[in-house]
């Protein structure tokens, strides 16, 4: 059983989460399960989830570096590439929450995950015979729509399977997400070899094959027993899950702090290498610095993050991530000394991986089970939309301020820190 206690008298209750007044505290009870509701052992569930994440993120890693080159080889110019990728981003912001809501309303998260993953693979194969801008755009938009919800659905399922039982969690969500990051790196490295051997179309084939394998892995995921499932009533709150979620004050804080801290990476992603190269940092060294941040992400997901969250609590880790982000961006603004940069880049493990782990813990504790997929989609869309807006703003800021533009990102992280204080009242309790 997962509870959140709000120290306000008369706090409103959410649909499906009966409130029990005890003095001036309102306790929200989010789902209850019986002792015989689990059908698979933790490590078995963990192994299946880890396989899914490995295949899913390997598919992303294979396609990410070379898809622009694939479309360019099909005759698309720079402006057409911009339209194609911008349209795909826009459709993801719509498709992700929509599919998440469907999954919640039907309580069929695994089925929606498998269908979307398989559909994304099949649609991707349609790019191989396609020719012309409009045909390529249409197919890529459909593929983006199918691809958008699969990571958030996977997160919702993984968190449900990782819920504590007794005195210890069944498995750490960070194991799965860390595997995904490592698989993404492996896929990125593999993609260069694949293109060298078989050309750019082989990227589409590899991407589709890995997605189909991920769909197969999704079919093998444990599914909650019937007694675990919530009956979704036809109330207004159930129909309008987004409004219900936005009515949860702690969830709004999670969305806000994650959007600010994750969004602050926009300046780094767009202009870090440009700044380094302008200061004389070689491409080889820039590659090493960038790889440091990704390696730190994997280490935090696997090793550092889970005990850190256990020791400081999710809210404490988010505050730490916000503070680390502020220091990281100040350092980026003040120096391009390679030694300093080499020390600063691994802080990405805190500003992204540790933050993400803490947010996942909070979402699992705050959100009713029948809104799990919708909550994951909203969390992802909030961060993605903020990052997109800050990326647009970063160009103008960097043009006017140069390296000092990173100080604006530091201010965003500093602004996020106070909003972690109300989240300290959120507690996840193990299921009986």
Protein backbone atom coordinates (compact mmCIF):
# COMPACT_ATOMS: atom_id res chain seq x y z
CA UNK A 1 0.00 0.00 0.00
CA UNK A 2 1.32 3.45 -0.92
CA UNK A 3 0.24 6.52 0.99
CA UNK A 4 0.79 10.23 0.84
CA UNK A 5 -0.06 12.39 3.82
CA UNK A 6 -0.92 16.04 3.20
CA UNK A 7 -0.68 18.22 6.29
CA UNK A 8 -3.66 20.32 5.27
CA UNK A 9 -7.08 20.14 6.87
CA UNK A 10 -9.74 19.10 4.43
CA UNK A 11 -7.47 18.29 1.50
CA UNK A 12 -9.55 17.03 -1.44
CA UNK A 13 -9.47 13.37 -2.30
CA UNK A 14 -8.82 11.93 -5.73
CA UNK A 15 -11.01 9.42 -7.52
CA UNK A 16 -10.08 5.90 -6.56
CA UNK A 17 -8.09 7.14 -3.54
CA UNK A 18 -10.30 7.25 -0.44
CA UNK A 19 -9.13 9.68 2.20
CA UNK A 20 -8.95 9.00 5.91
CA UNK A 21 -8.87 12.03 8.20
CA UNK A 22 -6.62 11.64 11.20
CA UNK A 23 -6.47 14.94 13.06
CA UNK A 24 -5.19 17.50 10.60
CA UNK A 25 -3.68 14.94 8.22
CA UNK A 26 -5.38 13.49 5.17
CA UNK A 27 -4.01 10.13 4.09
CA UNK A 28 -4.48 9.06 0.51
CA UNK A 29 -4.56 5.31 0.10
CA UNK A 30 -3.42 4.40 -3.39
CA UNK A 31 -4.53 0.88 -4.22
CA UNK A 32 -4.53 -2.21 -2.05
CA UNK A 33 -3.45 -5.72 -2.88
CA UNK A 34 -3.82 -9.06 -1.20
CA UNK A 35 -0.94 -11.29 -0.13
CA UNK A 36 -1.48 -13.67 -3.04
CA UNK A 37 -1.78 -11.03 -5.75
CA UNK A 38 1.76 -11.45 -7.12
CA UNK A 39 2.35 -14.41 -9.36
CA UNK A 40 6.03 -14.08 -10.25
CA UNK A 41 9.15 -13.73 -8.17
CA UNK A 42 10.98 -10.39 -8.22
CA UNK A 43 14.08 -11.47 -10.10
CA UNK A 44 12.02 -13.12 -12.80
CA UNK A 45 10.09 -9.89 -13.28
CA UNK A 46 13.34 -7.90 -13.16
CA UNK A 47 14.95 -10.05 -15.85
CA UNK A 48 12.02 -9.59 -18.21
CA UNK A 49 11.89 -5.83 -17.66
CA UNK A 50 15.65 -5.51 -18.15
CA UNK A 51 15.47 -7.40 -21.47
CA UNK A 52 12.68 -5.09 -22.63
CA UNK A 53 14.68 -1.96 -21.75
CA UNK A 54 17.84 -3.31 -23.40
CA UNK A 55 16.06 -3.99 -26.70
CA UNK A 56 14.00 -0.81 -26.62
CA UNK A 57 16.90 1.56 -25.96
CA UNK A 58 19.22 -0.32 -28.32
CA UNK A 59 16.63 0.39 -31.05
CA UNK A 60 16.81 4.10 -30.18
CA UNK A 61 20.59 4.06 -30.10
CA UNK A 62 20.89 2.39 -33.50
CA UNK A 63 18.62 4.91 -35.23
CA UNK A 64 19.52 8.19 -33.51
CA UNK A 65 22.86 9.04 -35.18
CA UNK A 66 22.03 8.14 -38.77
CA UNK A 67 18.32 8.78 -39.38
CA UNK A 68 18.97 12.38 -40.53
CA UNK A 69 21.57 11.02 -42.99
CA UNK A 70 19.05 8.40 -44.17
CA UNK A 71 16.47 11.08 -44.98
CA UNK A 72 19.10 13.30 -46.58
CA UNK A 73 20.12 10.39 -48.82
CA UNK A 74 16.46 10.18 -49.91
CA UNK A 75 16.68 13.72 -51.25
CA UNK A 76 15.46 15.83 -48.33
CA UNK A 77 17.07 19.24 -47.88
CA UNK A 78 17.84 21.01 -44.58
CA UNK A 79 14.48 22.82 -44.41
CA UNK A 80 12.57 19.61 -45.15
CA UNK A 81 14.57 17.76 -42.49
CA UNK A 82 13.67 20.48 -40.00
CA UNK A 83 9.98 20.16 -40.85
CA UNK A 84 10.09 16.37 -40.64
CA UNK A 85 11.76 16.21 -37.22
CA UNK A 86 9.77 19.13 -35.78
CA UNK A 87 6.52 17.49 -36.87
CA UNK A 88 7.60 14.22 -35.29
CA UNK A 89 8.33 16.02 -32.02
CA UNK A 90 4.95 17.75 -32.07
CA UNK A 91 3.04 14.52 -32.72
CA UNK A 92 4.88 12.82 -29.84
CA UNK A 93 3.61 15.46 -27.44
CA UNK A 94 0.07 14.50 -28.45
CA UNK A 95 0.39 10.76 -28.96
CA UNK A 96 2.24 10.01 -25.71
CA UNK A 97 -0.42 11.29 -23.31
CA UNK A 98 -3.26 10.02 -25.51
CA UNK A 99 -1.96 6.45 -25.60
CA UNK A 100 -1.14 6.62 -21.91
CA UNK A 101 -4.71 7.63 -21.16
CA UNK A 102 -6.07 4.77 -23.28
CA UNK A 103 -3.82 2.34 -21.42
CA UNK A 104 -5.06 3.62 -18.07
CA UNK A 105 -8.73 3.58 -19.03
CA UNK A 106 -8.49 0.02 -20.30
CA UNK A 107 -5.99 -1.05 -17.61
CA UNK A 108 -4.11 -2.78 -20.44
CA UNK A 109 -0.68 -1.15 -20.20
CA UNK A 110 1.18 -4.21 -21.44
CA UNK A 111 -1.12 -4.67 -24.46
CA UNK A 112 -0.86 -1.01 -25.48
CA UNK A 113 2.94 -1.17 -25.07
CA UNK A 114 3.23 -4.26 -27.28
CA UNK A 115 0.88 -2.89 -29.95
CA UNK A 116 2.62 0.49 -30.14
CA UNK A 117 6.09 -1.07 -30.25
CA UNK A 118 5.19 -3.57 -32.97
CA UNK A 119 3.35 -0.89 -34.95
CA UNK A 120 6.36 1.44 -34.75
CA UNK A 121 8.57 -1.35 -36.12
CA UNK A 122 6.27 -2.18 -39.03
CA UNK A 123 5.72 1.47 -39.96
CA UNK A 124 9.48 2.09 -39.87
CA UNK A 125 9.95 -0.60 -42.52
CA UNK A 126 7.67 1.45 -44.75
CA UNK A 127 10.45 4.02 -45.00
CA UNK A 128 12.55 1.64 -47.12
CA UNK A 129 10.49 1.80 -50.35
CA UNK A 130 9.19 5.35 -49.71
CA UNK A 131 10.27 8.22 -51.94
CA UNK A 132 9.48 11.92 -51.93
CA UNK A 133 9.13 14.39 -49.08
CA UNK A 134 5.41 13.97 -48.42
CA UNK A 135 5.52 10.19 -48.32
CA UNK A 136 8.56 10.17 -46.02
CA UNK A 137 6.95 12.81 -43.80
CA UNK A 138 3.69 10.86 -43.53
CA UNK A 139 5.40 7.60 -42.62
CA UNK A 140 7.76 9.25 -40.13
CA UNK A 141 4.84 11.01 -38.41
CA UNK A 142 2.95 7.74 -38.02
CA UNK A 143 6.09 6.09 -36.71
CA UNK A 144 6.68 8.91 -34.23
CA UNK A 145 3.09 8.61 -33.01
CA UNK A 146 3.48 4.88 -32.40
CA UNK A 147 6.91 5.27 -30.81
CA UNK A 148 6.00 8.12 -28.45
CA UNK A 149 4.29 6.20 -25.61
CA UNK A 150 6.49 3.12 -25.34
CA UNK A 151 9.09 4.45 -22.88
CA UNK A 152 6.47 5.95 -20.57
CA UNK A 153 4.38 2.77 -20.68
CA UNK A 154 7.47 0.70 -19.95
CA UNK A 155 8.28 2.98 -16.99
CA UNK A 156 4.76 2.65 -15.62
CA UNK A 157 4.91 -1.17 -15.85
CA UNK A 158 8.43 -1.36 -14.42
CA UNK A 159 7.51 0.82 -11.45
CA UNK A 160 4.42 -1.28 -10.76
CA UNK A 161 6.48 -4.48 -10.79
CA UNK A 162 9.18 -2.88 -8.63
CA UNK A 163 6.78 -1.80 -5.88
CA UNK A 164 8.09 -2.68 -2.41
CA UNK A 165 6.81 -5.81 -0.79
CA UNK A 166 7.66 -6.43 2.83
CA UNK A 167 10.89 -4.75 3.87
CA UNK A 168 12.64 -4.58 0.49
CA UNK A 169 11.73 -3.67 -3.10
CA UNK A 170 11.21 -6.51 -5.55
CA UNK A 171 13.90 -4.99 -7.77
CA UNK A 172 15.40 -1.60 -8.43
CA UNK A 173 13.91 0.38 -11.30
CA UNK A 174 17.39 1.85 -11.80
CA UNK A 175 18.67 -1.54 -12.95
CA UNK A 176 16.29 -1.48 -15.91
CA UNK A 177 16.84 2.18 -16.76
CA UNK A 178 20.61 1.84 -16.42
CA UNK A 179 20.51 -1.15 -18.76
CA UNK A 180 18.60 1.02 -21.22
CA UNK A 181 21.25 3.75 -21.13
CA UNK A 182 24.04 1.21 -21.61
CA UNK A 183 22.13 -0.42 -24.49
CA UNK A 184 21.64 2.99 -26.10
CA UNK A 185 25.41 3.53 -26.07
CA UNK A 186 25.99 0.06 -27.49
CA UNK A 187 23.41 0.64 -30.21
CA UNK A 188 25.00 3.95 -31.13
CA UNK A 189 28.42 2.34 -31.43
CA UNK A 190 27.00 -0.59 -33.40
CA UNK A 191 25.16 1.65 -35.84
CA UNK A 192 28.41 2.98 -37.31
CA UNK A 193 29.61 -0.54 -38.04
CA UNK A 194 26.25 -1.47 -39.56
CA UNK A 195 26.22 1.55 -41.87
CA UNK A 196 29.81 0.91 -42.96
CA UNK A 197 28.98 -2.68 -43.87
CA UNK A 198 25.48 -2.42 -45.37
CA UNK A 199 24.65 1.24 -45.95
CA UNK A 200 22.09 3.60 -44.48
CA UNK A 201 18.96 1.48 -45.17
CA UNK A 202 20.36 -1.14 -42.78
CA UNK A 203 19.76 1.31 -39.93
CA UNK A 204 16.01 1.19 -40.56
CA UNK A 205 16.09 -2.60 -40.69
CA UNK A 206 18.11 -2.84 -37.46
CA UNK A 207 15.83 -0.34 -35.73
CA UNK A 208 12.70 -2.24 -36.78
CA UNK A 209 14.16 -5.64 -35.84
CA UNK A 210 15.08 -4.44 -32.35
CA UNK A 211 11.63 -2.91 -31.88
CA UNK A 212 9.95 -6.16 -32.93
CA UNK A 213 12.14 -8.01 -30.45
CA UNK A 214 11.14 -5.46 -27.79
CA UNK A 215 7.48 -6.09 -28.59
CA UNK A 216 8.11 -9.80 -28.07
CA UNK A 217 9.81 -9.05 -24.76
CA UNK A 218 6.83 -6.91 -23.79
CA UNK A 219 4.51 -9.87 -24.31
CA UNK A 220 6.55 -11.81 -21.75
CA UNK A 221 6.25 -9.16 -19.05
CA UNK A 222 4.38 -10.21 -15.92
CA UNK A 223 0.89 -8.78 -15.79
CA UNK A 224 -0.78 -7.86 -12.49
CA UNK A 225 -3.23 -10.43 -11.24
CA UNK A 226 -6.91 -9.60 -11.61
CA UNK A 227 -7.23 -8.71 -7.94
CA UNK A 228 -4.55 -6.01 -8.34
CA UNK A 229 -6.32 -4.13 -11.05
CA UNK A 230 -8.40 -1.10 -10.27
CA UNK A 231 -11.88 -0.91 -11.70
CA UNK A 232 -11.98 2.33 -13.60
CA UNK A 233 -15.33 3.90 -12.92
CA UNK A 234 -17.08 6.14 -15.38
CA UNK A 235 -16.71 9.22 -13.20
CA UNK A 236 -15.63 12.55 -14.57
CA UNK A 237 -12.29 12.20 -12.76
CA UNK A 238 -11.64 8.86 -14.41
CA UNK A 239 -12.53 10.17 -17.83
CA UNK A 240 -10.39 13.25 -17.39
CA UNK A 241 -7.30 11.79 -15.81
CA UNK A 242 -5.10 14.76 -16.72
CA UNK A 243 -7.26 17.07 -14.61
CA UNK A 244 -7.25 14.57 -11.77
CA UNK A 245 -3.46 14.39 -11.85
CA UNK A 246 -3.08 18.16 -11.99
CA UNK A 247 -5.27 18.28 -8.91
CA UNK A 248 -2.55 16.43 -6.99
CA UNK A 249 -0.35 19.17 -5.56
CA UNK A 250 2.74 16.95 -5.12
CA UNK A 251 2.49 15.77 -8.74
CA UNK A 252 2.46 19.37 -9.92
CA UNK A 253 5.65 20.00 -7.94
CA UNK A 254 7.29 16.92 -9.46
CA UNK A 255 6.43 18.12 -12.95
CA UNK A 256 7.70 21.62 -12.18
CA UNK A 257 11.07 20.71 -10.68
CA UNK A 258 11.77 18.02 -13.29
CA UNK A 259 10.91 20.42 -16.12
CA UNK A 260 13.22 23.10 -14.72
CA UNK A 261 16.21 20.85 -14.03
CA UNK A 262 15.89 18.62 -17.10
CA UNK A 263 15.06 21.61 -19.29
CA UNK A 264 18.22 23.38 -18.13
CA UNK A 265 20.20 20.80 -20.12
CA UNK A 266 18.97 22.45 -23.35
CA UNK A 267 21.81 24.98 -23.41
CA UNK A 268 24.39 22.25 -22.84
CA UNK A 269 22.99 19.94 -25.51
CA UNK A 270 22.88 22.71 -28.10
CA UNK A 271 25.98 24.77 -27.38
CA UNK A 272 28.44 22.91 -25.13
CA UNK A 273 30.50 21.45 -27.97
CA UNK A 274 30.34 24.73 -29.89
CA UNK A 275 31.72 26.56 -26.85
CA UNK A 276 34.43 23.95 -26.29
CA UNK A 277 35.58 23.99 -29.90
CA UNK A 278 35.66 27.80 -29.96
CA UNK A 279 37.99 27.61 -26.93
CA UNK A 280 40.30 25.15 -28.69
CA UNK A 281 39.04 21.87 -27.24
CA UNK A 282 39.70 19.17 -29.84
CA UNK A 283 36.86 17.05 -31.24
CA UNK A 284 38.44 13.95 -29.68
CA UNK A 285 38.48 15.57 -26.24
CA UNK A 286 34.93 16.86 -26.71
CA UNK A 287 33.86 13.30 -27.45
CA UNK A 288 35.53 12.07 -24.27
CA UNK A 289 33.84 14.79 -22.21
CA UNK A 290 30.45 13.94 -23.67
CA UNK A 291 30.99 10.22 -23.07
CA UNK A 292 31.84 10.97 -19.44
CA UNK A 293 28.36 12.31 -18.85
CA UNK A 294 26.69 9.26 -20.41
CA UNK A 295 28.90 6.87 -18.46
CA UNK A 296 28.05 8.73 -15.23
CA UNK A 297 24.37 8.31 -16.07
CA UNK A 298 24.77 4.53 -16.28
CA UNK A 299 26.78 4.36 -13.05
CA UNK A 300 24.19 6.37 -11.15
CA UNK A 301 21.28 4.30 -12.46
CA UNK A 302 22.99 1.04 -11.46
CA UNK A 303 25.07 1.80 -8.37
CA UNK A 304 24.86 5.27 -6.88
CA UNK A 305 21.26 6.32 -7.39
CA UNK A 306 19.25 3.67 -5.51
CA UNK A 307 21.21 3.93 -2.21
CA UNK A 308 21.29 7.72 -2.56
CA UNK A 309 17.50 7.86 -2.86
CA UNK A 310 17.18 5.49 0.09
CA UNK A 311 19.44 7.67 2.24
CA UNK A 312 18.30 11.19 1.30
CA UNK A 313 14.76 10.44 0.19
CA UNK A 314 13.40 11.34 -3.26
CA UNK A 315 12.89 15.01 -2.38
CA UNK A 316 16.42 15.27 -0.99
CA UNK A 317 17.89 13.77 -4.14
CA UNK A 318 15.94 16.20 -6.33
CA UNK A 319 17.24 19.10 -4.24
CA UNK A 320 20.76 17.71 -4.62
CA UNK A 321 20.29 17.40 -8.39
CA UNK A 322 19.06 20.99 -8.62
CA UNK A 323 22.05 22.26 -6.63
CA UNK A 324 24.45 20.16 -8.69
CA UNK A 325 22.87 21.54 -11.87
CA UNK A 326 23.36 25.11 -10.71
CA UNK A 327 27.06 24.46 -9.97
CA UNK A 328 27.51 22.59 -13.26
CA UNK A 329 26.14 25.41 -15.39
CA UNK A 330 28.08 28.07 -13.46
CA UNK A 331 31.28 26.12 -14.18
CA UNK A 332 30.31 25.86 -17.86
CA UNK A 333 29.84 29.63 -17.98
CA UNK A 334 33.12 30.49 -16.30
CA UNK A 335 35.70 28.13 -17.81
CA UNK A 336 36.65 25.84 -20.66
CA UNK A 337 39.60 24.35 -18.80
CA UNK A 338 39.60 20.68 -19.76
CA UNK A 339 40.45 19.52 -16.24
CA UNK A 340 37.49 21.42 -14.78
CA UNK A 341 35.19 20.18 -17.52
CA UNK A 342 36.33 16.60 -16.91
CA UNK A 343 35.33 17.02 -13.26
CA UNK A 344 32.02 18.69 -14.07
CA UNK A 345 30.67 16.44 -16.83
CA UNK A 346 30.05 13.40 -14.56
CA UNK A 347 27.68 15.61 -12.55
CA UNK A 348 25.22 14.69 -15.31
CA UNK A 349 24.70 11.51 -13.32
CA UNK A 350 23.04 13.65 -10.65
CA UNK A 351 21.30 16.23 -12.85
CA UNK A 352 19.64 13.58 -15.01
CA UNK A 353 19.85 10.00 -13.71
CA UNK A 354 19.49 10.66 -9.97
CA UNK A 355 16.74 13.20 -10.64
CA UNK A 356 14.87 10.73 -12.82
CA UNK A 357 15.10 7.94 -10.24
CA UNK A 358 13.80 10.24 -7.51
CA UNK A 359 10.92 11.45 -9.69
CA UNK A 360 9.95 7.86 -10.48
CA UNK A 361 9.83 7.05 -6.75
CA UNK A 362 7.64 10.08 -6.09
CA UNK A 363 5.28 9.37 -8.97
CA UNK A 364 4.84 5.79 -7.75
CA UNK A 365 3.96 7.11 -4.29
CA UNK A 366 1.70 9.96 -5.36
CA UNK A 367 -0.28 8.71 -8.33
CA UNK A 368 -3.23 6.28 -8.12
CA UNK A 369 -2.55 3.07 -10.03
CA UNK A 370 -5.30 3.71 -12.57
CA UNK A 371 -3.45 6.86 -13.69
CA UNK A 372 0.07 5.42 -13.81
CA UNK A 373 0.55 5.55 -17.59
CA UNK A 374 -1.07 8.98 -17.89
CA UNK A 375 1.23 10.30 -15.16
CA UNK A 376 4.33 8.96 -16.90
CA UNK A 377 3.23 10.55 -20.18
CA UNK A 378 2.60 13.91 -18.52
CA UNK A 379 5.96 13.78 -16.77
CA UNK A 380 7.72 13.08 -20.08
CA UNK A 381 5.75 15.67 -22.04
CA UNK A 382 6.34 18.36 -19.43
CA UNK A 383 10.10 17.84 -19.56
CA UNK A 384 10.16 17.52 -23.36
CA UNK A 385 8.05 20.64 -23.97
CA UNK A 386 10.15 22.68 -21.54
CA UNK A 387 13.35 21.44 -23.16
CA UNK A 388 12.03 22.34 -26.61
CA UNK A 389 11.11 25.86 -25.51
CA UNK A 390 14.43 26.37 -23.73
CA UNK A 391 16.29 25.07 -26.78
CA UNK A 392 14.62 27.77 -28.85
CA UNK A 393 15.47 30.36 -26.19
CA UNK A 394 19.05 29.07 -25.92
CA UNK A 395 19.90 30.21 -29.43
CA UNK A 396 18.93 33.80 -28.71
CA UNK A 397 20.53 33.75 -25.25
CA UNK A 398 23.83 32.36 -26.54
CA UNK A 399 23.87 34.85 -29.39
CA UNK A 400 23.49 37.76 -26.94
CA UNK A 401 25.34 36.53 -23.86
CA UNK A 402 27.78 33.94 -25.15
CA UNK A 403 29.03 31.62 -22.40
CA UNK A 404 27.20 33.65 -19.75
CA UNK A 405 23.96 32.20 -21.13
CA UNK A 406 24.74 29.09 -19.06
CA UNK A 407 24.13 31.22 -15.97
CA UNK A 408 20.46 31.43 -16.96
CA UNK A 409 20.29 27.65 -16.82
CA UNK A 410 21.94 27.78 -13.39
CA UNK A 411 19.19 30.13 -12.23
CA UNK A 412 16.53 27.66 -13.41
CA UNK A 413 18.09 24.91 -11.31
CA UNK A 414 18.35 27.21 -8.31
CA UNK A 415 14.69 28.17 -8.74
CA UNK A 416 13.69 24.48 -8.69
CA UNK A 417 15.25 23.74 -5.29
CA UNK A 418 12.63 25.41 -3.03
CA UNK A 419 9.83 23.43 -4.66
CA UNK A 420 11.34 20.20 -3.32
CA UNK A 421 10.45 21.16 0.27
CA UNK A 422 6.73 20.22 0.04
CA UNK A 423 7.75 16.87 -1.47
CA UNK A 424 9.49 15.82 1.75
CA UNK A 425 6.07 14.83 3.12
CA UNK A 426 5.67 12.16 0.44
CA UNK A 427 6.37 8.67 1.74
CA UNK A 428 6.17 5.31 -0.01
CA UNK A 429 5.31 2.41 2.28
CA UNK A 430 5.94 -1.23 1.40
CA UNK A 431 2.99 -3.39 0.53
CA UNK A 432 2.02 -6.02 3.09
